[in-house]
C-alpha atoms as a PDB file:
ATOM      1  CA  MET A   1       0.004   0.129  -0.073  1.00  0.00           C
ATOM      2  CA  SER A   2       1.130   3.480  -0.814  1.00  0.00           C
ATOM      3  CA  GLU A   3       2.246   5.987   1.888  1.00  0.00           C
ATOM      4  CA  ILE A   4       0.126   8.426  -0.093  1.00  0.00           C
ATOM      5  CA  GLU A   5      -3.500   7.995   0.664  1.00  0.00           C
ATOM      6  CA  GLN A   6      -4.660  11.248  -1.041  1.00  0.00           C
ATOM      7  CA  GLN A   7      -5.803  10.152  -4.666  1.00  0.00           C
ATOM      8  CA  VAL A   8      -8.146  11.109  -7.203  1.00  0.00           C
ATOM      9  CA  TYR A   9     -10.609   8.736  -8.808  1.00  0.00           C
ATOM     10  CA  ASP A  10     -10.481   9.604 -12.465  1.00  0.00           C
ATOM     11  CA  GLN A  11     -11.708   6.168 -13.870  1.00  0.00           C
ATOM     12  CA  PRO A  12     -14.906   4.098 -13.698  1.00  0.00           C
ATOM     13  CA  THR A  13     -14.840   2.423 -10.565  1.00  0.00           C
ATOM     14  CA  ASN A  14     -16.705   0.308  -7.967  1.00  0.00           C
ATOM     15  CA  GLY A  15     -18.963  -2.255  -9.759  1.00  0.00           C
ATOM     16  CA  HIS A  16     -18.791  -0.839 -13.223  1.00  0.00           C
ATOM     17  CA  SER A  17     -17.587  -3.102 -16.184  1.00  0.00           C
ATOM     18  CA  ASP A  18     -16.456  -1.040 -19.271  1.00  0.00           C
ATOM     19  CA  ALA A  19     -17.956  -3.700 -21.476  1.00  0.00           C
ATOM     20  CA  ALA A  20     -20.941  -1.808 -21.631  1.00  0.00           C
ATOM     21  CA  ASP A  21     -19.656   1.324 -23.095  1.00  0.00           C
ATOM     22  CA  GLY A  22     -21.731   2.871 -25.580  1.00  0.00           C
ATOM     23  CA  SER A  23     -24.825   1.351 -24.136  1.00  0.00           C
ATOM     24  CA  ASP A  24     -27.431   3.581 -22.547  1.00  0.00           C
ATOM     25  CA  GLU A  25     -28.955   0.770 -20.733  1.00  0.00           C
ATOM     26  CA  GLN A  26     -28.473   0.787 -16.903  1.00  0.00           C
ATOM     27  CA  GLN A  27     -27.141  -2.188 -15.277  1.00  0.00           C
ATOM     28  CA  VAL A  28     -29.834  -4.223 -13.472  1.00  0.00           C
ATOM     29  CA  PHE A  29     -28.409  -5.635 -10.184  1.00  0.00           C
ATOM     30  CA  THR A  30     -29.631  -8.874  -8.275  1.00  0.00           C
ATOM     31  CA  GLU A  31     -28.414 -10.217  -4.976  1.00  0.00           C
ATOM     32  CA  GLU A  32     -25.863 -12.534  -6.647  1.00  0.00           C
ATOM     33  CA  THR A  33     -24.318  -9.660  -8.865  1.00  0.00           C
ATOM     34  CA  TYR A  34     -24.074  -7.354  -5.901  1.00  0.00           C
ATOM     35  CA  ALA A  35     -22.080  -9.917  -4.045  1.00  0.00           C
ATOM     36  CA  VAL A  36     -19.351 -10.373  -6.538  1.00  0.00           C
ATOM     37  CA  ALA A  37     -19.152  -6.495  -7.450  1.00  0.00           C
ATOM     38  CA  PRO A  38     -15.774  -5.009  -6.938  1.00  0.00           C
ATOM     39  CA  LEU A  39     -15.614  -2.330  -4.171  1.00  0.00           C
ATOM     40  CA  THR A  40     -13.035  -0.442  -2.379  1.00  0.00           C
ATOM     41  CA  LEU A  41     -14.382   0.643   1.097  1.00  0.00           C
ATOM     42  CA  ARG A  42     -12.168   2.768   3.398  1.00  0.00           C
ATOM     43  CA  ALA A  43     -12.609   3.569   7.224  1.00  0.00           C
ATOM     44  CA  LEU A  44     -10.889   5.888   9.700  1.00  0.00           C
ATOM     45  CA  VAL A  45      -9.655   4.051  12.755  1.00  0.00           C
ATOM     46  CA  SER A  46      -7.522   5.179  15.652  1.00  0.00           C
ATOM     47  CA  SER A  47      -3.842   4.293  15.929  1.00  0.00           C
ATOM     48  CA  LYS A  48      -4.568   1.901  18.990  1.00  0.00           C
ATOM     49  CA  GLU A  49      -7.681   0.345  16.680  1.00  0.00           C
ATOM     50  CA  ALA A  50      -5.389  -0.299  13.920  1.00  0.00           C
ATOM     51  CA  GLY A  51      -2.851  -2.204  16.136  1.00  0.00           C
ATOM     52  CA  VAL A  52      -5.749  -4.419  17.373  1.00  0.00           C
ATOM     53  CA  ILE A  53      -7.158  -4.680  13.576  1.00  0.00           C
ATOM     54  CA  ILE A  54      -3.786  -5.859  12.430  1.00  0.00           C
ATOM     55  CA  GLY A  55      -2.952  -8.058  15.152  1.00  0.00           C
ATOM     56  CA  LYS A  56       0.636  -9.464  16.360  1.00  0.00           C
ATOM     57  CA  GLN A  57       2.821  -9.796  13.488  1.00  0.00           C
ATOM     58  CA  GLY A  58      -0.097  -8.984  11.214  1.00  0.00           C
ATOM     59  CA  LYS A  59      -2.064 -12.094  12.291  1.00  0.00           C
ATOM     60  CA  ASN A  60      -5.545 -10.651  12.362  1.00  0.00           C
ATOM     61  CA  VAL A  61      -5.322  -8.787   9.071  1.00  0.00           C
ATOM     62  CA  ALA A  62      -3.879 -12.007   7.334  1.00  0.00           C
ATOM     63  CA  ASP A  63      -6.759 -13.865   8.741  1.00  0.00           C
ATOM     64  CA  MET A  64      -9.249 -11.438   7.505  1.00  0.00           C
ATOM     65  CA  ARG A  65      -7.755 -11.629   3.949  1.00  0.00           C
ATOM     66  CA  GLU A  66      -7.873 -15.382   4.008  1.00  0.00           C
ATOM     67  CA  ALA A  67     -11.357 -15.856   5.287  1.00  0.00           C
ATOM     68  CA  THR A  68     -12.603 -13.287   2.828  1.00  0.00           C
ATOM     69  CA  GLY A  69     -10.579 -12.946  -0.142  1.00  0.00           C
ATOM     70  CA  VAL A  70     -10.162  -9.183   0.188  1.00  0.00           C
ATOM     71  CA  LYS A  71      -6.947  -7.006  -0.145  1.00  0.00           C
ATOM     72  CA  ALA A  72      -6.833  -5.071   3.280  1.00  0.00           C
ATOM     73  CA  GLY A  73      -4.267  -2.982   4.728  1.00  0.00           C
ATOM     74  CA  VAL A  74      -3.718   0.042   7.125  1.00  0.00           C
ATOM     75  CA  SER A  75      -1.966   3.225   6.446  1.00  0.00           C
ATOM     76  CA  LYS A  76       1.355   3.912   7.866  1.00  0.00           C
ATOM     77  CA  PRO A  77       1.488   5.873  11.278  1.00  0.00           C
ATOM     78  CA  VAL A  78       2.107   9.300  11.236  1.00  0.00           C
ATOM     79  CA  PRO A  79       4.032  11.205  13.949  1.00  0.00           C
ATOM     80  CA  GLY A  80       1.469  13.185  15.577  1.00  0.00           C
ATOM     81  CA  VAL A  81      -1.591  11.925  14.208  1.00  0.00           C
ATOM     82  CA  HIS A  82      -4.058   9.837  16.085  1.00  0.00           C
ATOM     83  CA  ASP A  83      -6.002   8.475  12.897  1.00  0.00           C
ATOM     84  CA  ARG A  84      -5.158   6.020  10.151  1.00  0.00           C
ATOM     85  CA  VAL A  85      -6.827   4.483   7.300  1.00  0.00           C
ATOM     86  CA  LEU A  86      -8.368   0.739   6.887  1.00  0.00           C
ATOM     87  CA  THR A  87      -8.717   0.257   3.149  1.00  0.00           C
ATOM     88  CA  VAL A  88     -10.373  -2.862   2.216  1.00  0.00           C
ATOM     89  CA  THR A  89     -10.730  -3.925  -1.413  1.00  0.00           C
ATOM     90  CA  GLY A  90     -12.406  -6.864  -3.060  1.00  0.00           C
ATOM     91  CA  THR A  91     -15.931  -8.367  -3.638  1.00  0.00           C
ATOM     92  CA  LEU A  92     -18.999  -6.359  -2.017  1.00  0.00           C
ATOM     93  CA  GLU A  93     -19.536  -9.739  -0.106  1.00  0.00           C
ATOM     94  CA  GLY A  94     -15.741  -9.931   0.948  1.00  0.00           C
ATOM     95  CA  VAL A  95     -15.817  -6.452   2.162  1.00  0.00           C
ATOM     96  CA  ALA A  96     -18.857  -6.623   4.039  1.00  0.00           C
ATOM     97  CA  LYS A  97     -17.519  -9.665   6.119  1.00  0.00           C
ATOM     98  CA  ALA A  98     -14.018  -7.966   6.309  1.00  0.00           C
ATOM     99  CA  TYR A  99     -15.520  -5.321   8.428  1.00  0.00           C
ATOM    100  CA  ALA A 100     -17.561  -7.472  10.409  1.00  0.00           C
ATOM    101  CA  MET A 101     -14.508  -9.470  11.463  1.00  0.00           C
ATOM    102  CA  ALA A 102     -12.672  -5.935  11.916  1.00  0.00           C
ATOM    103  CA  ALA A 103     -15.589  -5.073  14.201  1.00  0.00           C
ATOM    104  CA  GLN A 104     -15.748  -8.360  16.153  1.00  0.00           C
ATOM    105  CA  THR A 105     -11.842  -8.162  16.619  1.00  0.00           C
ATOM    106  CA  LEU A 106     -12.398  -4.668  18.225  1.00  0.00           C
ATOM    107  CA  ILE A 107     -15.128  -5.975  20.402  1.00  0.00           C
ATOM    108  CA  ASP A 108     -13.023  -9.069  21.597  1.00  0.00           C
ATOM    109  CA  SER A 109      -9.979  -6.936  22.044  1.00  0.00           C
ATOM    110  CA  PRO A 110     -10.892  -3.423  22.623  1.00  0.00           C
ATOM    111  CA  PRO A 111      -8.020  -0.926  22.792  1.00  0.00           C
ATOM    112  CA  PRO A 112      -6.676  -0.304  26.179  1.00  0.00           C
ATOM    113  CA  THR A 113      -7.960   3.396  26.111  1.00  0.00           C
ATOM    114  CA  ALA A 114     -11.492   2.281  24.638  1.00  0.00           C
ATOM    115  CA  VAL A 115     -14.559   3.349  26.440  1.00  0.00           C
ATOM    116  CA  PRO A 116     -16.563   0.287  27.454  1.00  0.00           C
ATOM    117  CA  ILE A 117     -19.550  -0.050  25.124  1.00  0.00           C
ATOM    118  CA  ALA A 118     -22.643  -2.580  26.498  1.00  0.00           C
ATOM    119  CA  ASN A 119     -24.245  -5.301  24.111  1.00  0.00           C
ATOM    120  CA  ASN A 120     -20.968  -6.241  22.434  1.00  0.00           C
ATOM    121  CA  SER A 121     -21.175  -3.294  20.072  1.00  0.00           C
ATOM    122  CA  THR A 122     -18.465  -0.981  18.451  1.00  0.00           C
ATOM    123  CA  THR A 123     -18.423   1.777  15.865  1.00  0.00           C
ATOM    124  CA  ILE A 124     -16.796   1.689  12.271  1.00  0.00           C
ATOM    125  CA  ARG A 125     -16.057   5.293  10.855  1.00  0.00           C
ATOM    126  CA  LEU A 126     -16.460   4.667   7.118  1.00  0.00           C
ATOM    127  CA  LEU A 127     -14.987   7.140   4.482  1.00  0.00           C
ATOM    128  CA  VAL A 128     -17.791   8.209   1.669  1.00  0.00           C
ATOM    129  CA  ALA A 129     -17.466  10.345  -0.789  1.00  0.00           C
ATOM    130  CA  HIS A 130     -19.553  13.483  -0.430  1.00  0.00           C
ATOM    131  CA  SER A 131     -21.027  13.273  -3.823  1.00  0.00           C
ATOM    132  CA  GLN A 132     -22.450   9.896  -2.963  1.00  0.00           C
ATOM    133  CA  MET A 133     -23.602  10.608   0.391  1.00  0.00           C
ATOM    134  CA  GLY A 134     -27.240  11.469  -0.840  1.00  0.00           C
ATOM    135  CA  THR A 135     -27.433   7.858  -2.147  1.00  0.00           C
ATOM    136  CA  ILE A 136     -26.964   6.529   1.283  1.00  0.00           C
ATOM    137  CA  ILE A 137     -28.799   9.069   3.169  1.00  0.00           C
ATOM    138  CA  GLY A 138     -31.975   9.077   0.562  1.00  0.00           C
ATOM    139  CA  ARG A 139     -34.666  11.752   0.114  1.00  0.00           C
ATOM    140  CA  GLN A 140     -35.427  13.289   3.744  1.00  0.00           C
ATOM    141  CA  GLY A 141     -33.327  10.749   5.149  1.00  0.00           C
ATOM    142  CA  SER A 142     -35.225   7.613   4.175  1.00  0.00           C
ATOM    143  CA  LYS A 143     -32.640   5.382   3.004  1.00  0.00           C
ATOM    144  CA  ILE A 144     -30.285   5.751   5.842  1.00  0.00           C
ATOM    145  CA  LYS A 145     -33.365   5.181   8.220  1.00  0.00           C
ATOM    146  CA  GLN A 146     -34.079   1.930   6.112  1.00  0.00           C
ATOM    147  CA  ILE A 147     -30.790   0.611   6.785  1.00  0.00           C
ATOM    148  CA  GLN A 148     -30.428   1.288  10.476  1.00  0.00           C
ATOM    149  CA  ASP A 149     -34.101  -0.329  11.040  1.00  0.00           C
ATOM    150  CA  ASP A 150     -33.422  -3.514   8.585  1.00  0.00           C
ATOM    151  CA  CYS A 151     -29.990  -3.816   9.900  1.00  0.00           C
ATOM    152  CA  SER A 152     -30.201  -2.952  13.631  1.00  0.00           C
ATOM    153  CA  VAL A 153     -27.464  -0.331  13.554  1.00  0.00           C
ATOM    154  CA  ARG A 154     -27.111   2.943  14.592  1.00  0.00           C
ATOM    155  CA  MET A 155     -25.812   5.333  11.958  1.00  0.00           C
ATOM    156  CA  VAL A 156     -24.706   8.917  11.974  1.00  0.00           C
ATOM    157  CA  ALA A 157     -23.651  10.851   8.463  1.00  0.00           C
ATOM    158  CA  SER A 158     -21.246  13.800   9.412  1.00  0.00           C
ATOM    159  CA  LYS A 159     -22.210  17.029   7.606  1.00  0.00           C
ATOM    160  CA  ASP A 160     -18.140  18.095   7.617  1.00  0.00           C
ATOM    161  CA  ILE A 161     -15.830  17.263   4.746  1.00  0.00           C
ATOM    162  CA  LEU A 162     -12.595  16.091   5.721  1.00  0.00           C
ATOM    163  CA  PRO A 163      -9.696  18.361   5.372  1.00  0.00           C
ATOM    164  CA  GLY A 164      -7.773  18.124   2.022  1.00  0.00           C
ATOM    165  CA  SER A 165     -10.607  15.767   0.465  1.00  0.00           C
ATOM    166  CA  THR A 166     -14.075  15.503  -0.502  1.00  0.00           C
ATOM    167  CA  GLU A 167     -14.984  12.649   1.758  1.00  0.00           C
ATOM    168  CA  ARG A 168     -17.247  12.703   4.869  1.00  0.00           C
ATOM    169  CA  ILE A 169     -17.555  10.013   7.641  1.00  0.00           C
ATOM    170  CA  VAL A 170     -20.302   7.823   8.130  1.00  0.00           C
ATOM    171  CA  GLU A 171     -20.496   6.046  11.615  1.00  0.00           C
ATOM    172  CA  VAL A 172     -22.017   2.737  11.962  1.00  0.00           C
ATOM    173  CA  HIS A 173     -22.488   1.589  15.391  1.00  0.00           C
ATOM    174  CA  GLY A 174     -23.858  -1.918  16.310  1.00  0.00           C
ATOM    175  CA  VAL A 175     -22.825  -5.704  16.604  1.00  0.00           C
ATOM    176  CA  ALA A 176     -20.310  -7.437  14.263  1.00  0.00           C
ATOM    177  CA  ASP A 177     -23.200  -9.128  12.143  1.00  0.00           C
ATOM    178  CA  ALA A 178     -25.264  -6.147  12.069  1.00  0.00           C
ATOM    179  CA  ILE A 179     -22.161  -4.135  10.942  1.00  0.00           C
ATOM    180  CA  ARG A 180     -21.719  -6.617   7.941  1.00  0.00           C
ATOM    181  CA  LEU A 181     -25.598  -6.053   6.930  1.00  0.00           C
ATOM    182  CA  ALA A 182     -24.956  -2.495   7.115  1.00  0.00           C
ATOM    183  CA  VAL A 183     -21.779  -2.389   5.170  1.00  0.00           C
ATOM    184  CA  TRP A 184     -23.824  -4.608   2.625  1.00  0.00           C
ATOM    185  CA  GLU A 185     -26.495  -1.991   2.242  1.00  0.00           C
ATOM    186  CA  ILE A 186     -24.120   0.809   2.076  1.00  0.00           C
ATOM    187  CA  GLY A 187     -21.779  -1.083  -0.385  1.00  0.00           C
ATOM    188  CA  LYS A 188     -24.966  -1.812  -2.911  1.00  0.00           C
ATOM    189  CA  CYS A 189     -25.570   2.132  -2.810  1.00  0.00           C
ATOM    190  CA  LEU A 190     -22.089   2.753  -3.657  1.00  0.00           C
ATOM    191  CA  VAL A 191     -21.909   0.109  -6.549  1.00  0.00           C
ATOM    192  CA  GLU A 192     -24.882   1.557  -8.001  1.00  0.00           C
ATOM    193  CA  ASP A 193     -23.762   4.968  -7.797  1.00  0.00           C
ATOM    194  CA  TRP A 194     -20.152   4.323  -8.735  1.00  0.00           C
ATOM    195  CA  GLN A 195     -20.308   7.418 -11.359  1.00  0.00           C
ATOM    196  CA  ARG A 196     -20.708   9.988  -8.683  1.00  0.00           C
ATOM    197  CA  GLY A 197     -17.479   8.623  -7.013  1.00  0.00           C
ATOM    198  CA  THR A 198     -15.177   8.922  -9.943  1.00  0.00           C
ATOM    199  CA  THR A 199     -13.757  12.180  -8.846  1.00  0.00           C
ATOM    200  CA  THR A 200     -13.422  11.801  -5.406  1.00  0.00           C
ATOM    201  CA  ILE A 201     -10.287  13.005  -3.422  1.00  0.00           C
ATOM    202  CA  LEU A 202      -9.360  10.540  -0.878  1.00  0.00           C
ATOM    203  CA  TYR A 203      -8.740  11.718   2.926  1.00  0.00           C
ATOM    204  CA  ASN A 204      -5.092  11.472   4.049  1.00  0.00           C
ATOM    205  CA  PRO A 205      -4.578  12.100   7.722  1.00  0.00           C
ATOM    206  CA  GLN A 206      -1.733  14.220   8.309  1.00  0.00           C
ATOM    207  CA  ALA A 207      -0.102  16.501  10.798  1.00  0.00           C
ATOM    208  CA  LYS A 208      -1.205  20.337  10.763  1.00  0.00           C
ATOM    209  CA  GLU A 209       2.032  22.442  10.113  1.00  0.00           C
ATOM    210  CA  PHE A 210       2.149  26.132  10.991  1.00  0.00           C
ATOM    211  CA  GLY A 211       2.250  28.271   7.905  1.00  0.00           C
ATOM    212  CA  THR A 212       2.352  25.414   5.484  1.00  0.00           C
ATOM    213  CA  SER A 213      -0.145  23.112   3.684  1.00  0.00           C
ATOM    214  CA  SER A 214      -0.434  19.829   5.235  1.00  0.00           C
ATOM    215  CA  SER A 215      -0.677  18.146   1.506  1.00  0.00           C
ATOM    216  CA  ALA A 216       1.403  20.572  -0.430  1.00  0.00           C
ATOM    217  CA  ASN A 217       3.719  17.930  -1.511  1.00  0.00           C
ATOM    218  CA  SER A 218       1.151  15.333  -2.105  1.00  0.00           C
ATOM    219  CA  SER A 219       0.948  13.820  -5.621  1.00  0.00           C
ATOM    220  CA  THR A 220      -2.522  13.344  -7.150  1.00  0.00           C
ATOM    221  CA  ARG A 221      -3.269   9.828  -7.918  1.00  0.00           C
ATOM    222  CA  ALA A 222      -5.422   7.715  -9.855  1.00  0.00           C
ATOM    223  CA  ARG A 223      -7.356   4.836  -8.489  1.00  0.00           C
ATOM    224  CA  THR A 224      -9.491   2.160 -10.188  1.00  0.00           C
ATOM    225  CA  GLY A 225     -11.314   0.792  -7.192  1.00  0.00           C
ATOM    226  CA  ASN A 226     -10.857  -2.528  -8.376  1.00  0.00           C
ATOM    227  CA  PRO A 227      -8.944  -5.151  -6.568  1.00  0.00           C
ATOM    228  CA  ALA A 228      -5.645  -4.266  -8.081  1.00  0.00           C
ATOM    229  CA  ASP A 229      -2.506  -1.699  -7.130  1.00  0.00           C
ATOM    230  CA  PHE A 230      -2.996   1.944  -7.414  1.00  0.00           C
ATOM    231  CA  ASP A 231      -1.530   3.703 -10.384  1.00  0.00           C
ATOM    232  CA  GLY A 232       0.200   7.031  -9.733  1.00  0.00           C
ATOM    233  CA  VAL A 233      -0.385  10.167 -11.936  1.00  0.00           C
ATOM    234  CA  ASN A 234       1.478  13.015 -10.612  1.00  0.00           C
ATOM    235  CA  ASP A 235       0.405  16.218 -12.697  1.00  0.00           C
ATOM    236  CA  SER A 236       2.029  18.620 -10.522  1.00  0.00           C
ATOM    237  CA  SER A 237       4.978  21.210 -11.163  1.00  0.00           C
ATOM    238  CA  SER A 238       6.933  23.492  -8.871  1.00  0.00           C
ATOM    239  CA  GLY A 239       6.170  27.322  -8.639  1.00  0.00           C
ATOM    240  CA  GLY A 240       3.948  29.619  -6.362  1.00  0.00           C
ATOM    241  CA  ASN A 241       3.437  28.727  -2.771  1.00  0.00           C
ATOM    242  CA  GLY A 242       4.067  25.255  -3.278  1.00  0.00           C
ATOM    243  CA  PRO A 243       3.850  22.625  -6.386  1.00  0.00           C
ATOM    244  CA  GLU A 244       0.860  23.291  -8.878  1.00  0.00           C
ATOM    245  CA  GLN A 245      -1.543  20.396  -8.940  1.00  0.00           C
ATOM    246  CA  THR A 246      -4.161  19.606 -11.522  1.00  0.00           C
ATOM    247  CA  GLN A 247      -7.504  17.879 -10.641  1.00  0.00           C
ATOM    248  CA  ASN A 248     -10.305  17.200 -12.819  1.00  0.00           C
ATOM    249  CA  ILE A 249     -13.806  16.546 -11.676  1.00  0.00           C
ATOM    250  CA  ALA A 250     -17.034  15.643 -13.699  1.00  0.00           C
ATOM    251  CA  ILE A 251     -19.972  17.717 -13.496  1.00  0.00           C
ATOM    252  CA  PRO A 252     -23.373  16.307 -14.240  1.00  0.00           C
ATOM    253  CA  ALA A 253     -24.784  18.282 -17.363  1.00  0.00           C
ATOM    254  CA  ASP A 254     -27.927  19.650 -15.368  1.00  0.00           C
ATOM    255  CA  MET A 255     -25.627  21.115 -12.659  1.00  0.00           C
ATOM    256  CA  VAL A 256     -23.211  22.911 -14.975  1.00  0.00           C
ATOM    257  CA  GLY A 257     -25.595  26.094 -15.381  1.00  0.00           C
ATOM    258  CA  CYS A 258     -25.899  26.518 -11.655  1.00  0.00           C
ATOM    259  CA  ILE A 259     -22.113  26.388 -11.009  1.00  0.00           C
ATOM    260  CA  ILE A 260     -21.348  28.852 -13.827  1.00  0.00           C
ATOM    261  CA  GLY A 261     -24.078  31.338 -13.070  1.00  0.00           C
ATOM    262  CA  ARG A 262     -25.493  34.067 -14.862  1.00  0.00           C
ATOM    263  CA  GLY A 263     -22.960  35.647 -16.992  1.00  0.00           C
ATOM    264  CA  GLY A 264     -20.339  33.522 -15.430  1.00  0.00           C
ATOM    265  CA  THR A 265     -20.667  35.359 -11.909  1.00  0.00           C
ATOM    266  CA  LYS A 266     -20.546  32.263  -9.514  1.00  0.00           C
ATOM    267  CA  ILE A 267     -17.518  30.687 -11.705  1.00  0.00           C
ATOM    268  CA  GLN A 268     -15.685  33.719 -11.131  1.00  0.00           C
ATOM    269  CA  ASP A 269     -16.458  34.030  -7.511  1.00  0.00           C
ATOM    270  CA  ILE A 270     -14.962  30.655  -7.005  1.00  0.00           C
ATOM    271  CA  ARG A 271     -11.890  31.400  -8.993  1.00  0.00           C
ATOM    272  CA  ARG A 272     -11.365  34.597  -7.060  1.00  0.00           C
ATOM    273  CA  VAL A 273     -12.031  33.061  -3.531  1.00  0.00           C
ATOM    274  CA  SER A 274     -10.151  29.895  -3.998  1.00  0.00           C
ATOM    275  CA  GLY A 275      -7.180  31.377  -6.235  1.00  0.00           C
ATOM    276  CA  ALA A 276      -7.528  28.204  -8.352  1.00  0.00           C
ATOM    277  CA  ARG A 277      -7.672  28.526 -12.357  1.00  0.00           C
ATOM    278  CA  ILE A 278     -10.815  26.543 -13.350  1.00  0.00           C
ATOM    279  CA  SER A 279     -11.473  25.810 -16.798  1.00  0.00           C
ATOM    280  CA  ILE A 280     -14.804  24.072 -18.307  1.00  0.00           C
ATOM    281  CA  ALA A 281     -14.910  21.707 -21.319  1.00  0.00           C
ATOM    282  CA  LYS A 282     -17.026  22.923 -24.028  1.00  0.00           C
ATOM    283  CA  GLN A 283     -18.287  19.326 -24.633  1.00  0.00           C
ATOM    284  CA  PRO A 284     -19.139  16.356 -22.597  1.00  0.00           C
ATOM    285  CA  HIS A 285     -16.330  13.911 -22.063  1.00  0.00           C
ATOM    286  CA  ASP A 286     -18.403  10.791 -22.644  1.00  0.00           C
ATOM    287  CA  GLU A 287     -22.046   9.317 -23.119  1.00  0.00           C
ATOM    288  CA  SER A 288     -23.085  10.563 -19.623  1.00  0.00           C
ATOM    289  CA  GLY A 289     -23.283  14.191 -20.787  1.00  0.00           C
ATOM    290  CA  GLU A 290     -21.057  15.339 -17.897  1.00  0.00           C
ATOM    291  CA  ARG A 291     -18.744  17.974 -18.373  1.00  0.00           C
ATOM    292  CA  MET A 292     -15.022  18.084 -17.039  1.00  0.00           C
ATOM    293  CA  PHE A 293     -13.995  20.945 -14.566  1.00  0.00           C
ATOM    294  CA  THR A 294     -10.159  21.234 -14.645  1.00  0.00           C
ATOM    295  CA  ILE A 295      -8.782  22.736 -11.492  1.00  0.00           C
ATOM    296  CA  ARG A 296      -5.230  24.097 -11.329  1.00  0.00           C
ATOM    297  CA  GLY A 297      -3.359  25.413  -8.378  1.00  0.00           C
ATOM    298  CA  THR A 298      -1.583  24.704  -5.042  1.00  0.00           C
ATOM    299  CA  ALA A 299      -2.974  22.068  -2.854  1.00  0.00           C
ATOM    300  CA  ASP A 300      -4.719  24.617  -0.681  1.00  0.00           C
ATOM    301  CA  GLU A 301      -6.111  26.450  -3.746  1.00  0.00           C
ATOM    302  CA  ASN A 302      -7.639  23.275  -5.180  1.00  0.00           C
ATOM    303  CA  GLU A 303      -8.939  22.436  -1.819  1.00  0.00           C
ATOM    304  CA  ARG A 304     -10.787  25.538  -1.464  1.00  0.00           C
ATOM    305  CA  ALA A 305     -12.080  25.278  -5.033  1.00  0.00           C
ATOM    306  CA  LEU A 306     -13.375  21.688  -4.590  1.00  0.00           C
ATOM    307  CA  PHE A 307     -15.035  22.704  -1.514  1.00  0.00           C
ATOM    308  CA  LEU A 308     -16.951  25.538  -2.937  1.00  0.00           C
ATOM    309  CA  LEU A 309     -17.796  23.601  -6.067  1.00  0.00           C
ATOM    310  CA  TYR A 310     -19.376  20.824  -4.127  1.00  0.00           C
ATOM    311  CA  GLU A 311     -20.768  23.238  -1.704  1.00  0.00           C
ATOM    312  CA  GLN A 312     -22.574  25.019  -4.852  1.00  0.00           C
ATOM    313  CA  LEU A 313     -23.823  21.659  -5.919  1.00  0.00           C
ATOM    314  CA  GLU A 314     -25.248  20.773  -2.736  1.00  0.00           C
ATOM    315  CA  ASN A 315     -26.998  23.978  -2.455  1.00  0.00           C
ATOM    316  CA  GLU A 316     -28.874  23.349  -5.914  1.00  0.00           C
ATOM    317  CA  LYS A 317     -29.779  19.965  -4.968  1.00  0.00           C
ATOM    318  CA  VAL A 318     -31.190  21.159  -1.841  1.00  0.00           C
ATOM    319  CA  ARG A 319     -32.930  24.019  -3.609  1.00  0.00           C
ATOM    320  CA  ARG A 320     -34.356  21.665  -6.390  1.00  0.00           C
ATOM    321  CA  GLN A 321     -35.536  19.122  -3.802  1.00  0.00           C
ATOM    322  CA  MET A 322     -37.322  22.196  -1.919  1.00  0.00           C
ATOM    323  CA  GLU A 323     -38.875  23.146  -5.120  1.00  0.00           C
ATOM    324  CA  GLN A 324     -40.142  19.555  -5.919  1.00  0.00           C
ATOM    325  CA  GLU A 325     -41.580  19.231  -2.426  1.00  0.00           C
ATOM    326  CA  ASN A 326     -43.651  22.315  -2.946  1.00  0.00           C
ATOM    327  CA  VAL A 327     -45.037  21.167  -6.127  1.00  0.00           C
ATOM    328  CA  ASP A 328     -45.882  17.668  -4.636  1.00  0.00           C
ATOM    329  CA  GLN A 329     -47.663  19.658  -1.855  1.00  0.00           C
ATOM    330  CA  GLU A 330     -49.728  21.821  -4.481  1.00  0.00           C
ATOM    331  CA  LEU A 331     -50.728  18.587  -6.268  1.00  0.00           C
ATOM    332  CA  GLU A 332     -51.826  16.984  -3.242  1.00  0.00           C
ATOM    333  CA  GLN A 333     -54.134  19.997  -2.385  1.00  0.00           C
ATOM    334  CA  GLU A 334     -55.626  20.099  -5.591  1.00  0.00           C
END
């Protein structure tokens, strides 16, 4: 596993097969196809939890790999940083079982500083792309409520985007088998909604340094999401207040206008506030109709630009949802 955990998805990922290129038909999933769909799912763990999950001489994580067929590993510790990242890659069924095993290990051998929890339960902090969070939460929270009820877990979706990334945390609390069921359901959402995750910038726990960017020297990497090694893509050059980085994100066609704004006012504001240069492709980059936005700047500038872009998207989604709800209410009153 690479030390650099901050990566950018720029290829079709979880659950997607390129064999269907050129076809407008959406893949129909069954429980059998879900089970074998490829998925990479990451979770934030404390350093002490990481030690328990890995086990003495790596025994626990080796057992996990053997029992589930997944690739699993924990990012290297960073001095002064409390958290590390557990990455599990495999089939959806294998990933769900692997997280259940990790949960059971934490229940059986809780870290020394862990607060005792009743009912043999624990909490797994999954890392989910901000752009895919809506699929897990559902309209007015319907999907996340259904998962909680069906799987007997408690879930909390963080509203904050993690620094230097476009990921948020979804906490899943319950017994090991309930966590397996919840990860299975969450994984199904991610497999179905793989396209929204193709531009995710992964969270990389790093120490904060005074006067410098914590990710200024990080390279931008591409991840396939399939059970394979990550392929690096470094498109940075020196200059300015740190190396310049280039990041591409695909924006749904029906959302491009709300980001550009009337007369280009909104995109100009994002450029001005972030300091990044943002160019927009004139033509869709594939059959989906999505337009490619290219962001160039230092790590801090790109982080601000991405945050502002995603914030604008979320605001527009909320506005449209409220508008639709008002229309529905008017129709009911007629």
